[in-house]
Amino acid sequence: MTALIVLTVDFDNAGYSVMATLTEGGWVERLALTRGGTSVWKHGQHPSEVIDDALSQCTVATGRRLGVLTPPEQIIITYPQYWSSEWIDDAVGALTCAAYPPGAVYVRARPTPRTC
């Protein structure tokens, strides 16, 4: 079996959580984003900004782990069920611009708030 690199971005009403996973070997890393240094929404920030930064940070993190810069092969985006279609389109648009095929991207609403 070939290992997959999976990027998970979980949005909620207050912020977001970003994780990189290598399916072989059980490696999981919570990623710190560089554009703002926090996982809390900033005024005027769009989901696409978070996703762009998450893609870059995932590539760097797996590069440290594997010794070669490797972008994620699958992306999972979860968002609050109350999000407007404009915000969902913004998130999906970031992945379309990054040339991810539809089969590599999973976008779904989360009906309840995230608990950690």
PDB file of N, CA and C in Angstrom:
ATOM      1  N   MET A   1       0.840  -1.182   0.000  1.00  0.00           N
ATOM      2  CA  MET A   1       0.000   0.000   0.000  1.00  0.00           C
ATOM      3  C   MET A   1       0.887   1.247   0.000  1.00  0.00           C
ATOM      4  N   THR A   2       0.533   2.196  -0.801  1.00  0.00           N
ATOM      5  CA  THR A   2       1.254   3.457  -0.852  1.00  0.00           C
ATOM      6  C   THR A   2       0.652   4.419   0.167  1.00  0.00           C
ATOM      7  N   ALA A   3       1.509   5.070   0.916  1.00  0.00           N
ATOM      8  CA  ALA A   3       1.040   6.031   1.917  1.00  0.00           C
ATOM      9  C   ALA A   3       0.473   7.263   1.232  1.00  0.00           C
ATOM     10  N   LEU A   4      -0.556   7.815   1.832  1.00  0.00           N
ATOM     11  CA  LEU A   4      -1.146   9.062   1.355  1.00  0.00           C
ATOM     12  C   LEU A   4      -0.859  10.168   2.360  1.00  0.00           C
ATOM     13  N   ILE A   5      -0.678  11.360   1.841  1.00  0.00           N
ATOM     14  CA  ILE A   5      -0.564  12.541   2.694  1.00  0.00           C
ATOM     15  C   ILE A   5      -1.928  13.224   2.653  1.00  0.00           C
ATOM     16  N   VAL A   6      -2.532  13.367   3.830  1.00  0.00           N
ATOM     17  CA  VAL A   6      -3.869  13.937   3.928  1.00  0.00           C
ATOM     18  C   VAL A   6      -3.797  15.229   4.739  1.00  0.00           C
ATOM     19  N   LEU A   7      -4.379  16.281   4.193  1.00  0.00           N
ATOM     20  CA  LEU A   7      -4.502  17.560   4.892  1.00  0.00           C
ATOM     21  C   LEU A   7      -5.946  17.699   5.351  1.00  0.00           C
ATOM     22  N   THR A   8      -6.138  17.962   6.635  1.00  0.00           N
ATOM     23  CA  THR A   8      -7.474  18.172   7.179  1.00  0.00           C
ATOM     24  C   THR A   8      -7.557  19.590   7.733  1.00  0.00           C
ATOM     25  N   VAL A   9      -8.543  20.344   7.262  1.00  0.00           N
ATOM     26  CA  VAL A   9      -8.794  21.691   7.778  1.00  0.00           C
ATOM     27  C   VAL A   9     -10.214  21.691   8.329  1.00  0.00           C
ATOM     28  N   ASP A  10     -10.321  21.896   9.636  1.00  0.00           N
ATOM     29  CA  ASP A  10     -11.614  21.884  10.309  1.00  0.00           C
ATOM     30  C   ASP A  10     -11.928  23.302  10.780  1.00  0.00           C
ATOM     31  N   PHE A  11     -12.901  23.919  10.138  1.00  0.00           N
ATOM     32  CA  PHE A  11     -13.318  25.278  10.490  1.00  0.00           C
ATOM     33  C   PHE A  11     -14.451  25.218  11.514  1.00  0.00           C
ATOM     34  N   ASP A  12     -14.499  26.185  12.411  1.00  0.00           N
ATOM     35  CA  ASP A  12     -15.678  26.375  13.248  1.00  0.00           C
ATOM     36  C   ASP A  12     -15.947  27.874  13.358  1.00  0.00           C
ATOM     37  N   ASN A  13     -16.883  28.260  14.210  1.00  0.00           N
ATOM     38  CA  ASN A  13     -17.257  29.678  14.238  1.00  0.00           C
ATOM     39  C   ASN A  13     -16.177  30.572  14.847  1.00  0.00           C
ATOM     40  N   ALA A  14     -15.256  30.023  15.621  1.00  0.00           N
ATOM     41  CA  ALA A  14     -14.235  30.839  16.275  1.00  0.00           C
ATOM     42  C   ALA A  14     -12.861  30.713  15.641  1.00  0.00           C
ATOM     43  N   GLY A  15     -12.607  29.626  14.948  1.00  0.00           N
ATOM     44  CA  GLY A  15     -11.269  29.414  14.403  1.00  0.00           C
ATOM     45  C   GLY A  15     -11.197  28.191  13.522  1.00  0.00           C
ATOM     46  N   TYR A  16     -10.039  27.556  13.524  1.00  0.00           N
ATOM     47  CA  TYR A  16      -9.826  26.391  12.674  1.00  0.00           C
ATOM     48  C   TYR A  16      -8.693  25.552  13.240  1.00  0.00           C
ATOM     49  N   SER A  17      -8.686  24.291  12.837  1.00  0.00           N
ATOM     50  CA  SER A  17      -7.642  23.352  13.221  1.00  0.00           C
ATOM     51  C   SER A  17      -7.108  22.739  11.934  1.00  0.00           C
ATOM     52  N   VAL A  18      -5.790  22.626  11.825  1.00  0.00           N
ATOM     53  CA  VAL A  18      -5.167  22.115  10.601  1.00  0.00           C
ATOM     54  C   VAL A  18      -4.237  20.966  10.971  1.00  0.00           C
ATOM     55  N   MET A  19      -4.422  19.811  10.313  1.00  0.00           N
ATOM     56  CA  MET A  19      -3.626  18.619  10.597  1.00  0.00           C
ATOM     57  C   MET A  19      -3.086  18.024   9.305  1.00  0.00           C
ATOM     58  N   ALA A  20      -1.855  17.515   9.377  1.00  0.00           N
ATOM     59  CA  ALA A  20      -1.272  16.739   8.281  1.00  0.00           C
ATOM     60  C   ALA A  20      -1.144  15.305   8.771  1.00  0.00           C
ATOM     61  N   THR A  21      -1.504  14.343   7.923  1.00  0.00           N
ATOM     62  CA  THR A  21      -1.440  12.933   8.285  1.00  0.00           C
ATOM     63  C   THR A  21      -0.758  12.160   7.173  1.00  0.00           C
ATOM     64  N   LEU A  22       0.146  11.276   7.550  1.00  0.00           N
ATOM     65  CA  LEU A  22       0.743  10.320   6.622  1.00  0.00           C
ATOM     66  C   LEU A  22       0.106   8.988   6.970  1.00  0.00           C
ATOM     67  N   THR A  23      -0.660   8.405   6.040  1.00  0.00           N
ATOM     68  CA  THR A  23      -1.474   7.237   6.366  1.00  0.00           C
ATOM     69  C   THR A  23      -0.655   6.005   6.715  1.00  0.00           C
ATOM     70  N   GLU A  24       0.558   5.943   6.276  1.00  0.00           N
ATOM     71  CA  GLU A  24       1.414   4.809   6.618  1.00  0.00           C
ATOM     72  C   GLU A  24       2.328   5.225   7.766  1.00  0.00           C
ATOM     73  N   GLY A  25       2.307   4.486   8.837  1.00  0.00           N
ATOM     74  CA  GLY A  25       3.176   4.795   9.964  1.00  0.00           C
ATOM     75  C   GLY A  25       2.521   5.615  11.060  1.00  0.00           C
ATOM     76  N   GLY A  26       1.325   6.099  10.833  1.00  0.00           N
ATOM     77  CA  GLY A  26       0.575   6.796  11.867  1.00  0.00           C
ATOM     78  C   GLY A  26       1.079   8.182  12.231  1.00  0.00           C
ATOM     79  N   TRP A  27       1.785   8.858  11.332  1.00  0.00           N
ATOM     80  CA  TRP A  27       2.291  10.197  11.621  1.00  0.00           C
ATOM     81  C   TRP A  27       1.181  11.218  11.452  1.00  0.00           C
ATOM     82  N   VAL A  28       0.971  12.026  12.481  1.00  0.00           N
ATOM     83  CA  VAL A  28      -0.009  13.113  12.451  1.00  0.00           C
ATOM     84  C   VAL A  28       0.659  14.334  13.071  1.00  0.00           C
ATOM     85  N   GLU A  29       0.499  15.487  12.436  1.00  0.00           N
ATOM     86  CA  GLU A  29       1.076  16.715  12.980  1.00  0.00           C
ATOM     87  C   GLU A  29       0.066  17.848  12.891  1.00  0.00           C
ATOM     88  N   ARG A  30      -0.148  18.520  14.022  1.00  0.00           N
ATOM     89  CA  ARG A  30      -0.982  19.727  14.019  1.00  0.00           C
ATOM     90  C   ARG A  30      -0.122  20.842  13.441  1.00  0.00           C
ATOM     91  N   LEU A  31      -0.628  21.534  12.450  1.00  0.00           N
ATOM     92  CA  LEU A  31       0.151  22.551  11.755  1.00  0.00           C
ATOM     93  C   LEU A  31      -0.158  23.948  12.278  1.00  0.00           C
ATOM     94  N   ALA A  32       0.889  24.713  12.474  1.00  0.00           N
ATOM     95  CA  ALA A  32       0.743  26.129  12.822  1.00  0.00           C
ATOM     96  C   ALA A  32       0.836  26.918  11.526  1.00  0.00           C
ATOM     97  N   LEU A  33      -0.137  27.753  11.277  1.00  0.00           N
ATOM     98  CA  LEU A  33      -0.137  28.530  10.050  1.00  0.00           C
ATOM     99  C   LEU A  33       0.702  29.786  10.231  1.00  0.00           C
ATOM    100  N   THR A  34       1.300  30.245   9.145  1.00  0.00           N
ATOM    101  CA  THR A  34       2.243  31.361   9.220  1.00  0.00           C
ATOM    102  C   THR A  34       1.605  32.720   8.987  1.00  0.00           C
ATOM    103  N   ARG A  35       0.482  32.766   8.332  1.00  0.00           N
ATOM    104  CA  ARG A  35      -0.157  34.059   8.023  1.00  0.00           C
ATOM    105  C   ARG A  35      -1.050  34.500   9.176  1.00  0.00           C
ATOM    106  N   GLY A  36      -0.449  34.966  10.206  1.00  0.00           N
ATOM    107  CA  GLY A  36      -1.225  35.440  11.346  1.00  0.00           C
ATOM    108  C   GLY A  36      -0.830  34.756  12.640  1.00  0.00           C
ATOM    109  N   GLY A  37      -0.256  33.573  12.559  1.00  0.00           N
ATOM    110  CA  GLY A  37       0.251  32.893  13.731  1.00  0.00           C
ATOM    111  C   GLY A  37      -0.785  32.482  14.760  1.00  0.00           C
ATOM    112  N   THR A  38      -2.035  32.384  14.366  1.00  0.00           N
ATOM    113  CA  THR A  38      -3.080  32.001  15.300  1.00  0.00           C
ATOM    114  C   THR A  38      -4.111  31.162  14.569  1.00  0.00           C
ATOM    115  N   SER A  39      -4.902  30.404  15.306  1.00  0.00           N
ATOM    116  CA  SER A  39      -5.959  29.618  14.676  1.00  0.00           C
ATOM    117  C   SER A  39      -7.323  30.253  14.923  1.00  0.00           C
ATOM    118  N   VAL A  40      -7.328  31.542  15.201  1.00  0.00           N
ATOM    119  CA  VAL A  40      -8.564  32.283  15.445  1.00  0.00           C
ATOM    120  C   VAL A  40      -8.854  33.157  14.231  1.00  0.00           C
ATOM    121  N   TRP A  41     -10.125  33.202  13.827  1.00  0.00           N
ATOM    122  CA  TRP A  41     -10.520  34.037  12.693  1.00  0.00           C
ATOM    123  C   TRP A  41     -10.135  35.485  12.931  1.00  0.00           C
ATOM    124  N   LYS A  42      -9.630  36.121  11.889  1.00  0.00           N
ATOM    125  CA  LYS A  42      -9.336  37.546  11.938  1.00  0.00           C
ATOM    126  C   LYS A  42     -10.366  38.285  11.083  1.00  0.00           C
ATOM    127  N   HIS A  43     -10.669  39.504  11.437  1.00  0.00           N
ATOM    128  CA  HIS A  43     -11.648  40.295  10.695  1.00  0.00           C
ATOM    129  C   HIS A  43     -11.273  40.353   9.212  1.00  0.00           C
ATOM    130  N   GLY A  44     -12.203  39.991   8.357  1.00  0.00           N
ATOM    131  CA  GLY A  44     -11.975  40.050   6.917  1.00  0.00           C
ATOM    132  C   GLY A  44     -11.267  38.843   6.322  1.00  0.00           C
ATOM    133  N   GLN A  45     -10.884  37.880   7.153  1.00  0.00           N
ATOM    134  CA  GLN A  45     -10.172  36.705   6.647  1.00  0.00           C
ATOM    135  C   GLN A  45     -11.151  35.761   5.945  1.00  0.00           C
ATOM    136  N   HIS A  46     -10.700  35.166   4.851  1.00  0.00           N
ATOM    137  CA  HIS A  46     -11.520  34.239   4.084  1.00  0.00           C
ATOM    138  C   HIS A  46     -10.984  32.820   4.229  1.00  0.00           C
ATOM    139  N   PRO A  47     -11.839  31.808   4.070  1.00  0.00           N
ATOM    140  CA  PRO A  47     -11.382  30.422   4.156  1.00  0.00           C
ATOM    141  C   PRO A  47     -10.245  30.114   3.183  1.00  0.00           C
ATOM    142  N   SER A  48     -10.273  30.713   1.997  1.00  0.00           N
ATOM    143  CA  SER A  48      -9.232  30.437   1.002  1.00  0.00           C
ATOM    144  C   SER A  48      -7.844  30.822   1.515  1.00  0.00           C
ATOM    145  N   GLU A  49      -7.753  31.873   2.325  1.00  0.00           N
ATOM    146  CA  GLU A  49      -6.458  32.276   2.891  1.00  0.00           C
ATOM    147  C   GLU A  49      -5.921  31.207   3.833  1.00  0.00           C
ATOM    148  N   VAL A  50      -6.803  30.653   4.646  1.00  0.00           N
ATOM    149  CA  VAL A  50      -6.412  29.585   5.569  1.00  0.00           C
ATOM    150  C   VAL A  50      -5.978  28.354   4.779  1.00  0.00           C
ATOM    151  N   ILE A  51      -6.746  27.994   3.756  1.00  0.00           N
ATOM    152  CA  ILE A  51      -6.434  26.802   2.966  1.00  0.00           C
ATOM    153  C   ILE A  51      -5.123  26.971   2.209  1.00  0.00           C
ATOM    154  N   ASP A  52      -4.886  28.118   1.610  1.00  0.00           N
ATOM    155  CA  ASP A  52      -3.611  28.359   0.912  1.00  0.00           C
ATOM    156  C   ASP A  52      -2.430  28.167   1.854  1.00  0.00           C
ATOM    157  N   ASP A  53      -2.517  28.750   3.036  1.00  0.00           N
ATOM    158  CA  ASP A  53      -1.442  28.624   4.020  1.00  0.00           C
ATOM    159  C   ASP A  53      -1.315  27.176   4.489  1.00  0.00           C
ATOM    160  N   ALA A  54      -2.447  26.505   4.698  1.00  0.00           N
ATOM    161  CA  ALA A  54      -2.426  25.107   5.146  1.00  0.00           C
ATOM    162  C   ALA A  54      -1.756  24.203   4.110  1.00  0.00           C
ATOM    163  N   LEU A  55      -2.028  24.426   2.832  1.00  0.00           N
ATOM    164  CA  LEU A  55      -1.382  23.633   1.779  1.00  0.00           C
ATOM    165  C   LEU A  55       0.133  23.803   1.827  1.00  0.00           C
ATOM    166  N   SER A  56       0.592  25.032   1.990  1.00  0.00           N
ATOM    167  CA  SER A  56       2.032  25.301   2.067  1.00  0.00           C
ATOM    168  C   SER A  56       2.654  24.645   3.287  1.00  0.00           C
ATOM    169  N   GLN A  57       2.019  24.811   4.441  1.00  0.00           N
ATOM    170  CA  GLN A  57       2.574  24.257   5.677  1.00  0.00           C
ATOM    171  C   GLN A  57       2.567  22.733   5.676  1.00  0.00           C
ATOM    172  N   CYS A  58       1.560  22.127   5.067  1.00  0.00           N
ATOM    173  CA  CYS A  58       1.516  20.666   4.958  1.00  0.00           C
ATOM    174  C   CYS A  58       2.664  20.170   4.088  1.00  0.00           C
ATOM    175  N   THR A  59       2.927  20.856   2.998  1.00  0.00           N
ATOM    176  CA  THR A  59       4.030  20.487   2.101  1.00  0.00           C
ATOM    177  C   THR A  59       5.370  20.572   2.827  1.00  0.00           C
ATOM    178  N   VAL A  60       5.562  21.620   3.605  1.00  0.00           N
ATOM    179  CA  VAL A  60       6.805  21.789   4.365  1.00  0.00           C
ATOM    180  C   VAL A  60       6.927  20.707   5.444  1.00  0.00           C
ATOM    181  N   ALA A  61       5.840  20.441   6.161  1.00  0.00           N
ATOM    182  CA  ALA A  61       5.877  19.445   7.239  1.00  0.00           C
ATOM    183  C   ALA A  61       6.198  18.052   6.708  1.00  0.00           C
ATOM    184  N   THR A  62       5.577  17.677   5.600  1.00  0.00           N
ATOM    185  CA  THR A  62       5.881  16.357   5.039  1.00  0.00           C
ATOM    186  C   THR A  62       7.277  16.340   4.442  1.00  0.00           C
ATOM    187  N   GLY A  63       7.756  17.479   3.966  1.00  0.00           N
ATOM    188  CA  GLY A  63       9.132  17.568   3.481  1.00  0.00           C
ATOM    189  C   GLY A  63      10.130  17.280   4.587  1.00  0.00           C
ATOM    190  N   ARG A  64       9.865  17.826   5.773  1.00  0.00           N
ATOM    191  CA  ARG A  64      10.736  17.532   6.922  1.00  0.00           C
ATOM    192  C   ARG A  64      10.691  16.046   7.259  1.00  0.00           C
ATOM    193  N   ARG A  65       9.525  15.452   7.149  1.00  0.00           N
ATOM    194  CA  ARG A  65       9.336  14.043   7.519  1.00  0.00           C
ATOM    195  C   ARG A  65       9.916  13.097   6.472  1.00  0.00           C
ATOM    196  N   LEU A  66       9.689  13.388   5.184  1.00  0.00           N
ATOM    197  CA  LEU A  66      10.072  12.472   4.107  1.00  0.00           C
ATOM    198  C   LEU A  66      11.378  12.845   3.416  1.00  0.00           C
ATOM    199  N   GLY A  67      11.860  14.058   3.651  1.00  0.00           N
ATOM    200  CA  GLY A  67      13.097  14.489   3.012  1.00  0.00           C
ATOM    201  C   GLY A  67      12.901  15.084   1.628  1.00  0.00           C
ATOM    202  N   VAL A  68      11.668  15.224   1.200  1.00  0.00           N
ATOM    203  CA  VAL A  68      11.365  15.836  -0.091  1.00  0.00           C
ATOM    204  C   VAL A  68      10.023  16.565   0.043  1.00  0.00           C
ATOM    205  N   LEU A  69       9.940  17.774  -0.508  1.00  0.00           N
ATOM    206  CA  LEU A  69       8.696  18.537  -0.431  1.00  0.00           C
ATOM    207  C   LEU A  69       7.603  17.812  -1.201  1.00  0.00           C
ATOM    208  N   THR A  70       6.547  17.452  -0.495  1.00  0.00           N
ATOM    209  CA  THR A  70       5.463  16.684  -1.092  1.00  0.00           C
ATOM    210  C   THR A  70       4.132  17.294  -0.673  1.00  0.00           C
ATOM    211  N   PRO A  71       3.342  17.780  -1.624  1.00  0.00           N
ATOM    212  CA  PRO A  71       2.044  18.357  -1.260  1.00  0.00           C
ATOM    213  C   PRO A  71       1.061  17.258  -0.856  1.00  0.00           C
ATOM    214  N   PRO A  72       0.006  17.625  -0.144  1.00  0.00           N
ATOM    215  CA  PRO A  72      -0.988  16.619   0.233  1.00  0.00           C
ATOM    216  C   PRO A  72      -1.681  16.046  -1.002  1.00  0.00           C
ATOM    217  N   GLU A  73      -2.059  14.777  -0.890  1.00  0.00           N
ATOM    218  CA  GLU A  73      -2.743  14.111  -2.006  1.00  0.00           C
ATOM    219  C   GLU A  73      -4.250  14.104  -1.823  1.00  0.00           C
ATOM    220  N   GLN A  74      -4.684  14.193  -0.579  1.00  0.00           N
ATOM    221  CA  GLN A  74      -6.107  14.299  -0.283  1.00  0.00           C
ATOM    222  C   GLN A  74      -6.314  15.446   0.690  1.00  0.00           C
ATOM    223  N   ILE A  75      -7.446  16.105   0.552  1.00  0.00           N
ATOM    224  CA  ILE A  75      -7.766  17.226   1.425  1.00  0.00           C
ATOM    225  C   ILE A  75      -9.184  17.048   1.945  1.00  0.00           C
ATOM    226  N   ILE A  76      -9.324  17.200   3.255  1.00  0.00           N
ATOM    227  CA  ILE A  76     -10.630  17.110   3.900  1.00  0.00           C
ATOM    228  C   ILE A  76     -10.913  18.470   4.531  1.00  0.00           C
ATOM    229  N   ILE A  77     -12.025  19.066   4.150  1.00  0.00           N
ATOM    230  CA  ILE A  77     -12.446  20.356   4.693  1.00  0.00           C
ATOM    231  C   ILE A  77     -13.783  20.146   5.398  1.00  0.00           C
ATOM    232  N   THR A  78     -13.859  20.510   6.666  1.00  0.00           N
ATOM    233  CA  THR A  78     -15.143  20.501   7.366  1.00  0.00           C
ATOM    234  C   THR A  78     -15.440  21.932   7.798  1.00  0.00           C
ATOM    235  N   TYR A  79     -16.714  22.257   7.801  1.00  0.00           N
ATOM    236  CA  TYR A  79     -17.124  23.630   8.107  1.00  0.00           C
ATOM    237  C   TYR A  79     -18.466  23.600   8.836  1.00  0.00           C
ATOM    238  N   PRO A  80     -18.801  24.665   9.563  1.00  0.00           N
ATOM    239  CA  PRO A  80     -20.084  24.725  10.261  1.00  0.00           C
ATOM    240  C   PRO A  80     -21.248  24.690   9.271  1.00  0.00           C
ATOM    241  N   GLN A  81     -22.289  24.031   9.651  1.00  0.00           N
ATOM    242  CA  GLN A  81     -23.426  23.851   8.750  1.00  0.00           C
ATOM    243  C   GLN A  81     -24.092  25.172   8.368  1.00  0.00           C
ATOM    244  N   TYR A  82     -23.897  26.215   9.157  1.00  0.00           N
ATOM    245  CA  TYR A  82     -24.535  27.504   8.857  1.00  0.00           C
ATOM    246  C   TYR A  82     -23.762  28.345   7.841  1.00  0.00           C
ATOM    247  N   TRP A  83     -22.590  27.889   7.377  1.00  0.00           N
ATOM    248  CA  TRP A  83     -21.802  28.688   6.428  1.00  0.00           C
ATOM    249  C   TRP A  83     -22.610  29.013   5.176  1.00  0.00           C
ATOM    250  N   SER A  84     -22.404  30.198   4.646  1.00  0.00           N
ATOM    251  CA  SER A  84     -23.074  30.603   3.408  1.00  0.00           C
ATOM    252  C   SER A  84     -22.421  29.899   2.215  1.00  0.00           C
ATOM    253  N   SER A  85     -23.141  29.844   1.118  1.00  0.00           N
ATOM    254  CA  SER A  85     -22.589  29.219  -0.093  1.00  0.00           C
ATOM    255  C   SER A  85     -21.362  29.980  -0.591  1.00  0.00           C
ATOM    256  N   GLU A  86     -21.302  31.288  -0.328  1.00  0.00           N
ATOM    257  CA  GLU A  86     -20.132  32.069  -0.748  1.00  0.00           C
ATOM    258  C   GLU A  86     -18.867  31.613  -0.026  1.00  0.00           C
ATOM    259  N   TRP A  87     -18.985  31.324   1.275  1.00  0.00           N
ATOM    260  CA  TRP A  87     -17.817  30.867   2.037  1.00  0.00           C
ATOM    261  C   TRP A  87     -17.403  29.466   1.601  1.00  0.00           C
ATOM    262  N   ILE A  88     -18.369  28.618   1.336  1.00  0.00           N
ATOM    263  CA  ILE A  88     -18.056  27.261   0.869  1.00  0.00           C
ATOM    264  C   ILE A  88     -17.381  27.344  -0.496  1.00  0.00           C
ATOM    265  N   ASP A  89     -17.918  28.167  -1.386  1.00  0.00           N
ATOM    266  CA  ASP A  89     -17.312  28.346  -2.712  1.00  0.00           C
ATOM    267  C   ASP A  89     -15.896  28.902  -2.607  1.00  0.00           C
ATOM    268  N   ASP A  90     -15.659  29.794  -1.653  1.00  0.00           N
ATOM    269  CA  ASP A  90     -14.329  30.357  -1.451  1.00  0.00           C
ATOM    270  C   ASP A  90     -13.342  29.256  -1.047  1.00  0.00           C
ATOM    271  N   ALA A  91     -13.762  28.384  -0.143  1.00  0.00           N
ATOM    272  CA  ALA A  91     -12.898  27.280   0.302  1.00  0.00           C
ATOM    273  C   ALA A  91     -12.605  26.320  -0.843  1.00  0.00           C
ATOM    274  N   VAL A  92     -13.635  25.919  -1.565  1.00  0.00           N
ATOM    275  CA  VAL A  92     -13.460  24.992  -2.687  1.00  0.00           C
ATOM    276  C   VAL A  92     -12.645  25.651  -3.796  1.00  0.00           C
ATOM    277  N   GLY A  93     -12.861  26.934  -4.028  1.00  0.00           N
ATOM    278  CA  GLY A  93     -12.118  27.660  -5.057  1.00  0.00           C
ATOM    279  C   GLY A  93     -10.622  27.655  -4.818  1.00  0.00           C
ATOM    280  N   ALA A  94     -10.205  27.718  -3.555  1.00  0.00           N
ATOM    281  CA  ALA A  94      -8.767  27.678  -3.239  1.00  0.00           C
ATOM    282  C   ALA A  94      -8.158  26.359  -3.692  1.00  0.00           C
ATOM    283  N   LEU A  95      -8.900  25.281  -3.553  1.00  0.00           N
ATOM    284  CA  LEU A  95      -8.393  23.964  -3.955  1.00  0.00           C
ATOM    285  C   LEU A  95      -8.447  23.790  -5.466  1.00  0.00           C
ATOM    286  N   THR A  96      -9.445  24.374  -6.101  1.00  0.00           N
ATOM    287  CA  THR A  96      -9.527  24.338  -7.561  1.00  0.00           C
ATOM    288  C   THR A  96      -8.362  25.111  -8.163  1.00  0.00           C
ATOM    289  N   CYS A  97      -8.057  26.276  -7.587  1.00  0.00           N
ATOM    290  CA  CYS A  97      -6.917  27.077  -8.070  1.00  0.00           C
ATOM    291  C   CYS A  97      -5.597  26.337  -7.889  1.00  0.00           C
ATOM    292  N   ALA A  98      -5.522  25.497  -6.870  1.00  0.00           N
ATOM    293  CA  ALA A  98      -4.305  24.722  -6.618  1.00  0.00           C
ATOM    294  C   ALA A  98      -4.278  23.445  -7.461  1.00  0.00           C
ATOM    295  N   ALA A  99      -5.250  23.286  -8.360  1.00  0.00           N
ATOM    296  CA  ALA A  99      -5.325  22.179  -9.330  1.00  0.00           C
ATOM    297  C   ALA A  99      -5.583  20.814  -8.693  1.00  0.00           C
ATOM    298  N   TYR A 100      -6.314  20.788  -7.577  1.00  0.00           N
ATOM    299  CA  TYR A 100      -6.696  19.503  -6.998  1.00  0.00           C
ATOM    300  C   TYR A 100      -7.933  18.985  -7.712  1.00  0.00           C
ATOM    301  N   PRO A 101      -7.910  17.729  -8.154  1.00  0.00           N
ATOM    302  CA  PRO A 101      -9.081  17.164  -8.825  1.00  0.00           C
ATOM    303  C   PRO A 101     -10.197  16.906  -7.810  1.00  0.00           C
ATOM    304  N   PRO A 102     -11.444  16.919  -8.261  1.00  0.00           N
ATOM    305  CA  PRO A 102     -12.572  16.719  -7.344  1.00  0.00           C
ATOM    306  C   PRO A 102     -12.466  15.449  -6.497  1.00  0.00           C
ATOM    307  N   GLY A 103     -11.923  14.376  -7.038  1.00  0.00           N
ATOM    308  CA  GLY A 103     -11.813  13.123  -6.291  1.00  0.00           C
ATOM    309  C   GLY A 103     -10.825  13.165  -5.139  1.00  0.00           C
ATOM    310  N   ALA A 104      -9.992  14.185  -5.082  1.00  0.00           N
ATOM    311  CA  ALA A 104      -8.997  14.301  -4.008  1.00  0.00           C
ATOM    312  C   ALA A 104      -9.463  15.227  -2.888  1.00  0.00           C
ATOM    313  N   VAL A 105     -10.626  15.828  -3.069  1.00  0.00           N
ATOM    314  CA  VAL A 105     -11.110  16.832  -2.122  1.00  0.00           C
ATOM    315  C   VAL A 105     -12.450  16.387  -1.538  1.00  0.00           C
ATOM    316  N   TYR A 106     -12.529  16.421  -0.214  1.00  0.00           N
ATOM    317  CA  TYR A 106     -13.759  16.072   0.489  1.00  0.00           C
ATOM    318  C   TYR A 106     -14.171  17.282   1.309  1.00  0.00           C
ATOM    319  N   VAL A 107     -15.351  17.814   1.022  1.00  0.00           N
ATOM    320  CA  VAL A 107     -15.849  19.002   1.709  1.00  0.00           C
ATOM    321  C   VAL A 107     -17.206  18.643   2.296  1.00  0.00           C
ATOM    322  N   ARG A 108     -17.342  18.860   3.610  1.00  0.00           N
ATOM    323  CA  ARG A 108     -18.623  18.506   4.221  1.00  0.00           C
ATOM    324  C   ARG A 108     -18.923  19.411   5.411  1.00  0.00           C
ATOM    325  N   ALA A 109     -20.215  19.588   5.642  1.00  0.00           N
ATOM    326  CA  ALA A 109     -20.676  20.380   6.785  1.00  0.00           C
ATOM    327  C   ALA A 109     -20.601  19.533   8.048  1.00  0.00           C
ATOM    328  N   ARG A 110     -20.316  20.191   9.143  1.00  0.00           N
ATOM    329  CA  ARG A 110     -20.314  19.557  10.453  1.00  0.00           C
ATOM    330  C   ARG A 110     -21.504  20.126  11.212  1.00  0.00           C
ATOM    331  N   PRO A 111     -22.492  19.294  11.579  1.00  0.00           N
ATOM    332  CA  PRO A 111     -23.714  19.812  12.187  1.00  0.00           C
ATOM    333  C   PRO A 111     -23.549  20.337  13.610  1.00  0.00           C
ATOM    334  N   THR A 112     -22.545  19.881  14.318  1.00  0.00           N
ATOM    335  CA  THR A 112     -22.368  20.312  15.700  1.00  0.00           C
ATOM    336  C   THR A 112     -21.003  20.954  15.876  1.00  0.00           C
ATOM    337  N   PRO A 113     -20.857  21.800  16.880  1.00  0.00           N
ATOM    338  CA  PRO A 113     -19.546  22.411  17.121  1.00  0.00           C
ATOM    339  C   PRO A 113     -18.485  21.364  17.419  1.00  0.00           C
ATOM    340  N   ARG A 114     -17.278  21.669  17.021  1.00  0.00           N
ATOM    341  CA  ARG A 114     -16.141  20.797  17.282  1.00  0.00           C
ATOM    342  C   ARG A 114     -15.842  20.816  18.775  1.00  0.00           C
ATOM    343  N   THR A 115     -15.481  19.668  19.321  1.00  0.00           N
ATOM    344  CA  THR A 115     -15.044  19.602  20.714  1.00  0.00           C
ATOM    345  C   THR A 115     -13.669  18.986  20.752  1.00  0.00           C
ATOM    346  N   CYS A 116     -12.809  19.542  21.573  1.00  0.00           N
ATOM    347  CA  CYS A 116     -11.439  19.033  21.683  1.00  0.00           C
ATOM    348  C   CYS A 116     -11.161  18.584  23.090  1.00  0.00           C
TER     349      CYS A 116
END
